[in-house]
Amino acid sequence: MQLTIHTIDSAPADSRAVLEGIAADLGLVPNLAAAAAGSPALLAGFDGLRRAVATTKLDPVLREVTGLTVGVAVHNRYGVAFHSTMLAGLGVDEADIAAIRDGRAPSDPVAAAVHALVLEAVIGRGKVADGTTRAVLDSGLSDEGILEVLLEVAFAGLVGLIDNLAGHVELDGFLSARRWP
């Protein structure tokens, strides 16, 4: 399915205010949001999840590890490029970014525990072994942290659905260096 990459002016009227809010927050309208704008309801859901994720107490690195892990698991090129870019901007070691992009755990024990949780949640459609959640709790995350990881899984999953339905949304210029695969 070919999705139109809308501008604020070309988007349906009910999508314009949401796109303007995204542009105000991020300084641009990412192509994935612009593609979702073809449905005001989808864009509103996308933006609601985006805003909810931004309010979590979850460490930004763990949030991006979650998004990248989901992107790899659902073969979402846009999400992989986006979260790889964000992790690099947060100073995460390139070897850890490459490991996650290759389907392997990062070296940090907390990030590795989150990576395992996310993979199980995505592959098992939310079913996660008690040992996996125990490992995340033992790594220092709380129940709230695990639930916030789940929120990012949902958001990254929605991004993956949009990207994959579209046969891959054209990457924004700032993401092209992190193209995958």
N, C-alpha and C. Protein backbone atom coordinates (compact mmCIF):
# COMPACT_ATOMS: atom_id res chain seq x y z
N MET A 1 0.85 -1.18 0.00
CA MET A 1 0.00 0.00 0.00
C MET A 1 0.89 1.23 0.00
N GLN A 2 0.64 2.12 -0.88
CA GLN A 2 1.40 3.37 -0.95
C GLN A 2 0.72 4.43 -0.10
N LEU A 3 1.37 4.87 0.96
CA LEU A 3 0.83 5.91 1.81
C LEU A 3 1.44 7.25 1.42
N THR A 4 0.61 8.26 1.36
CA THR A 4 1.07 9.61 1.05
C THR A 4 1.80 10.18 2.25
N ILE A 5 2.94 10.77 1.99
CA ILE A 5 3.67 11.52 3.02
C ILE A 5 3.10 12.94 2.98
N HIS A 6 2.17 13.20 3.89
CA HIS A 6 1.48 14.49 3.88
C HIS A 6 2.35 15.60 4.47
N THR A 7 2.06 16.79 4.03
CA THR A 7 2.54 18.00 4.71
C THR A 7 1.37 18.48 5.57
N ILE A 8 1.62 19.46 6.38
CA ILE A 8 0.53 20.02 7.17
C ILE A 8 -0.56 20.53 6.24
N ASP A 9 -0.19 21.13 5.13
CA ASP A 9 -1.18 21.68 4.19
C ASP A 9 -1.94 20.63 3.40
N SER A 10 -1.28 19.49 3.09
CA SER A 10 -1.95 18.48 2.27
C SER A 10 -2.73 17.46 3.10
N ALA A 11 -2.51 17.45 4.39
CA ALA A 11 -3.17 16.46 5.26
C ALA A 11 -4.66 16.76 5.37
N PRO A 12 -5.45 15.74 5.66
CA PRO A 12 -6.87 15.99 5.95
C PRO A 12 -7.00 17.04 7.07
N ALA A 13 -8.03 17.83 7.00
CA ALA A 13 -8.21 18.94 7.95
C ALA A 13 -8.10 18.48 9.40
N ASP A 14 -8.65 17.32 9.72
CA ASP A 14 -8.63 16.85 11.10
C ASP A 14 -7.26 16.35 11.56
N SER A 15 -6.32 16.23 10.64
CA SER A 15 -4.95 15.82 10.99
C SER A 15 -4.02 17.01 11.17
N ARG A 16 -4.41 18.15 10.68
CA ARG A 16 -3.47 19.28 10.64
C ARG A 16 -3.03 19.75 12.01
N ALA A 17 -3.94 19.89 12.96
CA ALA A 17 -3.55 20.38 14.29
C ALA A 17 -2.60 19.40 14.96
N VAL A 18 -2.82 18.10 14.77
CA VAL A 18 -1.93 17.11 15.38
C VAL A 18 -0.55 17.21 14.74
N LEU A 19 -0.49 17.34 13.42
CA LEU A 19 0.81 17.49 12.75
C LEU A 19 1.52 18.76 13.21
N GLU A 20 0.77 19.83 13.40
CA GLU A 20 1.37 21.07 13.90
C GLU A 20 1.94 20.86 15.30
N GLY A 21 1.24 20.10 16.15
CA GLY A 21 1.74 19.81 17.49
C GLY A 21 3.00 18.97 17.46
N ILE A 22 3.04 17.99 16.56
CA ILE A 22 4.24 17.16 16.40
C ILE A 22 5.41 18.03 15.94
N ALA A 23 5.14 18.89 14.97
CA ALA A 23 6.19 19.78 14.46
C ALA A 23 6.69 20.72 15.56
N ALA A 24 5.79 21.19 16.39
CA ALA A 24 6.19 22.08 17.49
C ALA A 24 7.06 21.33 18.50
N ASP A 25 6.72 20.08 18.76
CA ASP A 25 7.48 19.28 19.73
C ASP A 25 8.84 18.86 19.19
N LEU A 26 8.89 18.45 17.93
CA LEU A 26 10.10 17.83 17.37
C LEU A 26 10.89 18.73 16.44
N GLY A 27 10.30 19.82 16.01
CA GLY A 27 10.98 20.69 15.06
C GLY A 27 10.78 20.25 13.61
N LEU A 28 10.05 19.17 13.41
CA LEU A 28 9.73 18.66 12.07
C LEU A 28 8.61 17.66 12.21
N VAL A 29 8.01 17.31 11.09
CA VAL A 29 7.03 16.23 11.05
C VAL A 29 7.73 15.04 10.43
N PRO A 30 8.03 14.01 11.23
CA PRO A 30 8.67 12.83 10.66
C PRO A 30 7.77 12.18 9.61
N ASN A 31 8.39 11.57 8.62
CA ASN A 31 7.64 10.97 7.53
C ASN A 31 6.64 9.93 8.00
N LEU A 32 6.96 9.20 9.07
CA LEU A 32 6.01 8.19 9.53
C LEU A 32 4.74 8.85 10.04
N ALA A 33 4.86 9.92 10.79
CA ALA A 33 3.67 10.66 11.25
C ALA A 33 2.93 11.26 10.07
N ALA A 34 3.67 11.76 9.09
CA ALA A 34 3.06 12.34 7.90
C ALA A 34 2.30 11.30 7.11
N ALA A 35 2.78 10.06 7.11
CA ALA A 35 2.08 8.97 6.43
C ALA A 35 0.82 8.57 7.20
N ALA A 36 0.90 8.58 8.53
CA ALA A 36 -0.26 8.24 9.36
C ALA A 36 -1.35 9.30 9.26
N ALA A 37 -0.99 10.51 8.84
CA ALA A 37 -1.94 11.63 8.78
C ALA A 37 -3.08 11.39 7.79
N GLY A 38 -2.92 10.41 6.91
CA GLY A 38 -4.01 10.09 5.99
C GLY A 38 -5.29 9.66 6.71
N SER A 39 -5.15 9.21 7.94
CA SER A 39 -6.30 8.89 8.80
C SER A 39 -6.17 9.72 10.07
N PRO A 40 -7.03 10.71 10.25
CA PRO A 40 -6.96 11.51 11.47
C PRO A 40 -7.03 10.65 12.75
N ALA A 41 -7.82 9.58 12.72
CA ALA A 41 -7.93 8.73 13.90
C ALA A 41 -6.61 8.00 14.17
N LEU A 42 -5.98 7.46 13.13
CA LEU A 42 -4.69 6.80 13.30
C LEU A 42 -3.64 7.78 13.80
N LEU A 43 -3.60 8.96 13.22
CA LEU A 43 -2.63 9.96 13.65
C LEU A 43 -2.87 10.35 15.10
N ALA A 44 -4.12 10.49 15.52
CA ALA A 44 -4.42 10.83 16.91
C ALA A 44 -3.95 9.71 17.84
N GLY A 45 -4.15 8.45 17.46
CA GLY A 45 -3.65 7.34 18.26
C GLY A 45 -2.15 7.32 18.34
N PHE A 46 -1.50 7.52 17.19
CA PHE A 46 -0.04 7.59 17.12
C PHE A 46 0.46 8.69 18.05
N ASP A 47 -0.13 9.88 17.95
CA ASP A 47 0.34 11.01 18.74
C ASP A 47 0.05 10.81 20.22
N GLY A 48 -1.09 10.21 20.53
CA GLY A 48 -1.41 9.94 21.94
C GLY A 48 -0.39 8.99 22.56
N LEU A 49 -0.03 7.93 21.83
CA LEU A 49 0.98 7.00 22.33
C LEU A 49 2.34 7.70 22.43
N ARG A 50 2.68 8.51 21.42
CA ARG A 50 3.96 9.23 21.43
C ARG A 50 4.05 10.13 22.66
N ARG A 51 3.00 10.84 22.93
CA ARG A 51 2.98 11.75 24.08
C ARG A 51 3.01 10.97 25.40
N ALA A 52 2.30 9.85 25.47
CA ALA A 52 2.30 9.05 26.69
C ALA A 52 3.69 8.49 26.97
N VAL A 53 4.36 7.99 25.93
CA VAL A 53 5.71 7.46 26.09
C VAL A 53 6.65 8.55 26.61
N ALA A 54 6.46 9.77 26.15
CA ALA A 54 7.32 10.87 26.57
C ALA A 54 7.15 11.22 28.05
N THR A 55 6.05 10.79 28.67
CA THR A 55 5.82 11.12 30.08
C THR A 55 6.32 10.04 31.03
N THR A 56 6.83 8.94 30.51
CA THR A 56 7.27 7.85 31.39
C THR A 56 8.50 8.25 32.19
N LYS A 57 8.73 7.50 33.25
CA LYS A 57 9.93 7.68 34.06
C LYS A 57 11.05 6.77 33.57
N LEU A 58 10.77 5.95 32.56
CA LEU A 58 11.73 4.99 32.04
C LEU A 58 12.96 5.71 31.51
N ASP A 59 14.12 5.19 31.86
CA ASP A 59 15.37 5.74 31.35
C ASP A 59 15.30 5.85 29.83
N PRO A 60 15.66 6.99 29.25
CA PRO A 60 15.58 7.15 27.79
C PRO A 60 16.35 6.08 27.02
N VAL A 61 17.47 5.62 27.54
CA VAL A 61 18.21 4.57 26.84
C VAL A 61 17.38 3.29 26.81
N LEU A 62 16.76 2.94 27.92
CA LEU A 62 15.95 1.72 27.95
C LEU A 62 14.72 1.85 27.04
N ARG A 63 14.17 3.04 26.98
CA ARG A 63 13.05 3.28 26.08
C ARG A 63 13.48 3.05 24.63
N GLU A 64 14.63 3.56 24.26
CA GLU A 64 15.12 3.39 22.88
C GLU A 64 15.57 1.96 22.61
N VAL A 65 16.15 1.29 23.61
CA VAL A 65 16.48 -0.13 23.45
C VAL A 65 15.20 -0.91 23.17
N THR A 66 14.14 -0.57 23.88
CA THR A 66 12.85 -1.23 23.67
C THR A 66 12.37 -1.00 22.24
N GLY A 67 12.37 0.25 21.80
CA GLY A 67 11.90 0.56 20.45
C GLY A 67 12.73 -0.13 19.39
N LEU A 68 14.05 -0.16 19.57
CA LEU A 68 14.92 -0.81 18.60
C LEU A 68 14.68 -2.32 18.58
N THR A 69 14.52 -2.91 19.75
CA THR A 69 14.27 -4.35 19.82
C THR A 69 12.96 -4.71 19.13
N VAL A 70 11.92 -3.92 19.34
CA VAL A 70 10.64 -4.15 18.65
C VAL A 70 10.85 -4.00 17.14
N GLY A 71 11.53 -2.94 16.74
CA GLY A 71 11.76 -2.71 15.31
C GLY A 71 12.42 -3.88 14.63
N VAL A 72 13.43 -4.44 15.26
CA VAL A 72 14.12 -5.61 14.69
C VAL A 72 13.18 -6.81 14.67
N ALA A 73 12.45 -7.02 15.77
CA ALA A 73 11.57 -8.19 15.88
C ALA A 73 10.46 -8.20 14.83
N VAL A 74 9.94 -7.02 14.50
CA VAL A 74 8.83 -6.96 13.52
C VAL A 74 9.31 -6.50 12.14
N HIS A 75 10.63 -6.44 11.98
CA HIS A 75 11.27 -6.03 10.73
C HIS A 75 10.75 -4.67 10.24
N ASN A 76 10.83 -3.70 11.14
CA ASN A 76 10.36 -2.35 10.88
C ASN A 76 11.56 -1.46 10.59
N ARG A 77 11.81 -1.21 9.33
CA ARG A 77 12.99 -0.44 8.93
C ARG A 77 12.99 0.97 9.48
N TYR A 78 11.82 1.62 9.47
CA TYR A 78 11.75 3.00 9.97
C TYR A 78 12.09 3.03 11.46
N GLY A 79 11.48 2.15 12.23
CA GLY A 79 11.74 2.11 13.67
C GLY A 79 13.18 1.79 14.00
N VAL A 80 13.78 0.85 13.25
CA VAL A 80 15.18 0.51 13.50
C VAL A 80 16.07 1.72 13.24
N ALA A 81 15.85 2.41 12.15
CA ALA A 81 16.65 3.59 11.85
C ALA A 81 16.43 4.68 12.90
N PHE A 82 15.18 4.89 13.29
CA PHE A 82 14.87 5.93 14.27
C PHE A 82 15.52 5.64 15.62
N HIS A 83 15.28 4.45 16.15
CA HIS A 83 15.78 4.15 17.50
C HIS A 83 17.30 4.00 17.51
N SER A 84 17.89 3.53 16.42
CA SER A 84 19.36 3.49 16.33
C SER A 84 19.93 4.90 16.40
N THR A 85 19.29 5.82 15.69
CA THR A 85 19.71 7.22 15.69
C THR A 85 19.59 7.83 17.09
N MET A 86 18.48 7.55 17.75
CA MET A 86 18.27 8.10 19.09
C MET A 86 19.27 7.52 20.08
N LEU A 87 19.53 6.20 20.00
CA LEU A 87 20.51 5.60 20.91
C LEU A 87 21.90 6.19 20.70
N ALA A 88 22.28 6.40 19.45
CA ALA A 88 23.59 7.02 19.18
C ALA A 88 23.63 8.42 19.78
N GLY A 89 22.54 9.16 19.66
CA GLY A 89 22.47 10.50 20.23
C GLY A 89 22.54 10.51 21.75
N LEU A 90 22.14 9.39 22.37
CA LEU A 90 22.23 9.27 23.82
C LEU A 90 23.59 8.76 24.28
N GLY A 91 24.49 8.54 23.31
CA GLY A 91 25.85 8.12 23.64
C GLY A 91 26.04 6.63 23.85
N VAL A 92 25.08 5.83 23.41
CA VAL A 92 25.21 4.38 23.56
C VAL A 92 26.29 3.87 22.61
N ASP A 93 27.09 2.95 23.10
CA ASP A 93 28.19 2.38 22.33
C ASP A 93 27.68 1.77 21.02
N GLU A 94 28.41 2.03 19.95
CA GLU A 94 28.02 1.51 18.63
C GLU A 94 27.94 -0.01 18.61
N ALA A 95 28.78 -0.68 19.40
CA ALA A 95 28.74 -2.15 19.45
C ALA A 95 27.42 -2.64 20.02
N ASP A 96 26.88 -1.92 21.00
CA ASP A 96 25.58 -2.30 21.56
C ASP A 96 24.45 -2.04 20.58
N ILE A 97 24.52 -0.92 19.87
CA ILE A 97 23.50 -0.63 18.85
C ILE A 97 23.54 -1.71 17.78
N ALA A 98 24.74 -2.06 17.33
CA ALA A 98 24.88 -3.11 16.30
C ALA A 98 24.38 -4.44 16.81
N ALA A 99 24.64 -4.76 18.07
CA ALA A 99 24.17 -6.03 18.63
C ALA A 99 22.65 -6.11 18.57
N ILE A 100 21.97 -5.07 19.01
CA ILE A 100 20.50 -5.09 19.00
C ILE A 100 20.00 -5.16 17.57
N ARG A 101 20.60 -4.41 16.66
CA ARG A 101 20.19 -4.45 15.25
C ARG A 101 20.39 -5.85 14.65
N ASP A 102 21.33 -6.62 15.21
CA ASP A 102 21.59 -7.98 14.76
C ASP A 102 20.75 -9.01 15.52
N GLY A 103 19.89 -8.55 16.43
CA GLY A 103 19.04 -9.46 17.18
C GLY A 103 19.67 -9.99 18.46
N ARG A 104 20.79 -9.40 18.87
CA ARG A 104 21.48 -9.85 20.08
C ARG A 104 21.30 -8.82 21.19
N ALA A 105 21.53 -9.26 22.41
CA ALA A 105 21.39 -8.39 23.58
C ALA A 105 22.55 -7.40 23.67
N PRO A 106 22.29 -6.21 24.18
CA PRO A 106 23.37 -5.27 24.45
C PRO A 106 24.18 -5.72 25.66
N SER A 107 25.33 -5.12 25.89
CA SER A 107 26.23 -5.54 26.98
C SER A 107 25.76 -5.09 28.36
N ASP A 108 25.05 -3.99 28.46
CA ASP A 108 24.58 -3.51 29.76
C ASP A 108 23.56 -4.50 30.32
N PRO A 109 23.72 -4.95 31.56
CA PRO A 109 22.83 -5.98 32.11
C PRO A 109 21.36 -5.55 32.20
N VAL A 110 21.11 -4.30 32.55
CA VAL A 110 19.71 -3.83 32.62
C VAL A 110 19.12 -3.78 31.22
N ALA A 111 19.85 -3.21 30.28
CA ALA A 111 19.37 -3.15 28.90
C ALA A 111 19.18 -4.56 28.32
N ALA A 112 20.06 -5.48 28.68
CA ALA A 112 19.93 -6.86 28.20
C ALA A 112 18.68 -7.52 28.77
N ALA A 113 18.36 -7.26 30.03
CA ALA A 113 17.15 -7.81 30.64
C ALA A 113 15.91 -7.24 29.96
N VAL A 114 15.93 -5.94 29.69
CA VAL A 114 14.80 -5.30 28.99
C VAL A 114 14.69 -5.86 27.57
N HIS A 115 15.80 -6.03 26.90
CA HIS A 115 15.82 -6.60 25.55
C HIS A 115 15.14 -7.96 25.54
N ALA A 116 15.50 -8.82 26.51
CA ALA A 116 14.90 -10.16 26.59
C ALA A 116 13.40 -10.08 26.85
N LEU A 117 12.99 -9.19 27.74
CA LEU A 117 11.57 -8.99 28.04
C LEU A 117 10.81 -8.57 26.80
N VAL A 118 11.36 -7.61 26.09
CA VAL A 118 10.69 -7.08 24.89
C VAL A 118 10.56 -8.16 23.82
N LEU A 119 11.63 -8.90 23.59
CA LEU A 119 11.56 -9.98 22.59
C LEU A 119 10.47 -10.98 22.94
N GLU A 120 10.43 -11.41 24.19
CA GLU A 120 9.40 -12.36 24.60
C GLU A 120 8.01 -11.77 24.46
N ALA A 121 7.86 -10.51 24.85
CA ALA A 121 6.54 -9.87 24.76
C ALA A 121 6.06 -9.77 23.32
N VAL A 122 6.97 -9.42 22.40
CA VAL A 122 6.59 -9.29 21.00
C VAL A 122 6.30 -10.66 20.39
N ILE A 123 7.23 -11.58 20.56
CA ILE A 123 7.08 -12.90 19.96
C ILE A 123 5.91 -13.66 20.59
N GLY A 124 5.74 -13.52 21.91
CA GLY A 124 4.68 -14.24 22.60
C GLY A 124 3.39 -13.46 22.71
N ARG A 125 3.31 -12.33 22.02
CA ARG A 125 2.11 -11.48 22.04
C ARG A 125 1.69 -11.13 23.47
N GLY A 126 2.69 -10.76 24.27
CA GLY A 126 2.44 -10.34 25.64
C GLY A 126 2.73 -11.41 26.67
N LYS A 127 2.84 -12.64 26.24
CA LYS A 127 3.14 -13.71 27.19
C LYS A 127 4.64 -13.71 27.46
N VAL A 128 4.99 -13.55 28.73
CA VAL A 128 6.39 -13.47 29.14
C VAL A 128 6.58 -14.40 30.33
N ALA A 129 7.62 -15.18 30.30
CA ALA A 129 7.92 -16.11 31.38
C ALA A 129 8.20 -15.36 32.68
N ASP A 130 7.79 -15.96 33.79
CA ASP A 130 8.05 -15.36 35.10
C ASP A 130 9.53 -15.07 35.30
N GLY A 131 10.39 -15.97 34.82
CA GLY A 131 11.84 -15.77 34.98
C GLY A 131 12.34 -14.53 34.26
N THR A 132 11.71 -14.23 33.14
CA THR A 132 12.11 -13.04 32.38
C THR A 132 11.72 -11.77 33.12
N THR A 133 10.50 -11.72 33.62
CA THR A 133 10.10 -10.52 34.37
C THR A 133 10.89 -10.42 35.67
N ARG A 134 11.19 -11.57 36.30
CA ARG A 134 12.00 -11.55 37.53
C ARG A 134 13.38 -10.97 37.24
N ALA A 135 13.97 -11.34 36.10
CA ALA A 135 15.30 -10.82 35.74
C ALA A 135 15.26 -9.30 35.57
N VAL A 136 14.17 -8.80 34.99
CA VAL A 136 14.05 -7.35 34.81
C VAL A 136 13.89 -6.67 36.17
N LEU A 137 13.06 -7.25 37.03
CA LEU A 137 12.90 -6.68 38.37
C LEU A 137 14.21 -6.74 39.15
N ASP A 138 14.92 -7.85 39.03
CA ASP A 138 16.21 -7.98 39.71
C ASP A 138 17.25 -7.01 39.17
N SER A 139 17.07 -6.58 37.92
CA SER A 139 18.03 -5.62 37.34
C SER A 139 17.80 -4.20 37.84
N GLY A 140 16.68 -4.00 38.54
CA GLY A 140 16.43 -2.68 39.12
C GLY A 140 15.18 -1.98 38.64
N LEU A 141 14.53 -2.50 37.62
CA LEU A 141 13.28 -1.88 37.18
C LEU A 141 12.14 -2.29 38.11
N SER A 142 11.19 -1.42 38.27
CA SER A 142 10.01 -1.69 39.09
C SER A 142 8.89 -2.25 38.21
N ASP A 143 7.78 -2.61 38.84
CA ASP A 143 6.60 -3.00 38.08
C ASP A 143 6.20 -1.87 37.14
N GLU A 144 6.27 -0.63 37.64
CA GLU A 144 5.93 0.53 36.81
C GLU A 144 6.86 0.60 35.60
N GLY A 145 8.13 0.35 35.80
CA GLY A 145 9.08 0.37 34.69
C GLY A 145 8.73 -0.67 33.64
N ILE A 146 8.36 -1.87 34.08
CA ILE A 146 7.97 -2.92 33.14
C ILE A 146 6.73 -2.50 32.35
N LEU A 147 5.77 -1.89 33.03
CA LEU A 147 4.56 -1.43 32.33
C LEU A 147 4.90 -0.32 31.34
N GLU A 148 5.87 0.53 31.68
CA GLU A 148 6.28 1.58 30.76
C GLU A 148 7.04 1.01 29.56
N VAL A 149 7.79 -0.07 29.77
CA VAL A 149 8.39 -0.78 28.64
C VAL A 149 7.27 -1.28 27.72
N LEU A 150 6.22 -1.82 28.32
CA LEU A 150 5.09 -2.33 27.53
C LEU A 150 4.45 -1.21 26.70
N LEU A 151 4.36 -0.02 27.27
CA LEU A 151 3.82 1.12 26.51
C LEU A 151 4.69 1.41 25.29
N GLU A 152 6.00 1.42 25.46
CA GLU A 152 6.89 1.63 24.31
C GLU A 152 6.76 0.50 23.30
N VAL A 153 6.57 -0.74 23.79
CA VAL A 153 6.34 -1.87 22.87
C VAL A 153 5.10 -1.59 22.02
N ALA A 154 4.04 -1.10 22.64
CA ALA A 154 2.82 -0.80 21.90
C ALA A 154 3.04 0.31 20.87
N PHE A 155 3.74 1.36 21.27
CA PHE A 155 4.00 2.46 20.35
C PHE A 155 4.88 2.01 19.19
N ALA A 156 5.97 1.32 19.51
CA ALA A 156 6.87 0.83 18.46
C ALA A 156 6.16 -0.19 17.57
N GLY A 157 5.27 -0.96 18.16
CA GLY A 157 4.49 -1.90 17.35
C GLY A 157 3.57 -1.20 16.36
N LEU A 158 2.95 -0.10 16.80
CA LEU A 158 2.10 0.68 15.89
C LEU A 158 2.94 1.26 14.76
N VAL A 159 4.10 1.79 15.09
CA VAL A 159 5.01 2.32 14.06
C VAL A 159 5.35 1.21 13.06
N GLY A 160 5.63 0.01 13.57
CA GLY A 160 5.95 -1.11 12.70
C GLY A 160 4.80 -1.50 11.80
N LEU A 161 3.59 -1.48 12.33
CA LEU A 161 2.42 -1.79 11.50
C LEU A 161 2.27 -0.79 10.36
N ILE A 162 2.41 0.48 10.68
CA ILE A 162 2.28 1.52 9.64
C ILE A 162 3.39 1.36 8.60
N ASP A 163 4.62 1.22 9.06
CA ASP A 163 5.76 1.12 8.15
C ASP A 163 5.64 -0.12 7.27
N ASN A 164 5.31 -1.24 7.86
CA ASN A 164 5.22 -2.47 7.08
C ASN A 164 4.03 -2.47 6.13
N LEU A 165 2.90 -1.91 6.54
CA LEU A 165 1.76 -1.79 5.64
C LEU A 165 2.12 -0.96 4.42
N ALA A 166 2.90 0.07 4.64
CA ALA A 166 3.27 0.98 3.56
C ALA A 166 4.40 0.43 2.70
N GLY A 167 4.89 -0.76 3.02
CA GLY A 167 6.04 -1.27 2.27
C GLY A 167 7.27 -0.46 2.57
N HIS A 168 7.30 0.15 3.73
CA HIS A 168 8.38 0.95 4.29
C HIS A 168 8.27 2.42 3.87
N VAL A 169 8.01 3.24 4.88
CA VAL A 169 7.90 4.68 4.71
C VAL A 169 9.30 5.23 4.42
N GLU A 170 9.36 6.16 3.50
CA GLU A 170 10.66 6.78 3.17
C GLU A 170 11.27 7.39 4.42
N LEU A 171 12.54 7.05 4.65
CA LEU A 171 13.22 7.58 5.83
C LEU A 171 13.45 9.08 5.70
N ASP A 172 13.33 9.76 6.82
CA ASP A 172 13.69 11.17 6.88
C ASP A 172 15.20 11.27 6.71
N GLY A 173 15.66 12.42 6.23
CA GLY A 173 17.09 12.61 6.01
C GLY A 173 17.95 12.33 7.22
N PHE A 174 17.48 12.72 8.41
CA PHE A 174 18.30 12.52 9.60
C PHE A 174 18.40 11.05 10.02
N LEU A 175 17.61 10.18 9.39
CA LEU A 175 17.64 8.75 9.70
C LEU A 175 18.40 7.92 8.68
N SER A 176 18.67 8.49 7.53
CA SER A 176 19.22 7.69 6.42
C SER A 176 20.56 7.05 6.73
N ALA A 177 21.38 7.64 7.59
CA ALA A 177 22.67 7.04 7.94
C ALA A 177 22.51 5.75 8.72
N ARG A 178 21.33 5.54 9.31
CA ARG A 178 21.06 4.35 10.13
C ARG A 178 20.09 3.40 9.43
N ARG A 179 20.04 3.49 8.11
CA ARG A 179 19.17 2.60 7.31
C ARG A 179 19.44 1.16 7.71
N TRP A 180 18.37 0.33 7.68
CA TRP A 180 18.47 -1.08 8.06
C TRP A 180 17.58 -1.90 7.17
N PRO A 181 17.87 -3.07 6.81
CA PRO A 181 19.20 -3.61 6.57
C PRO A 181 19.78 -3.04 5.30
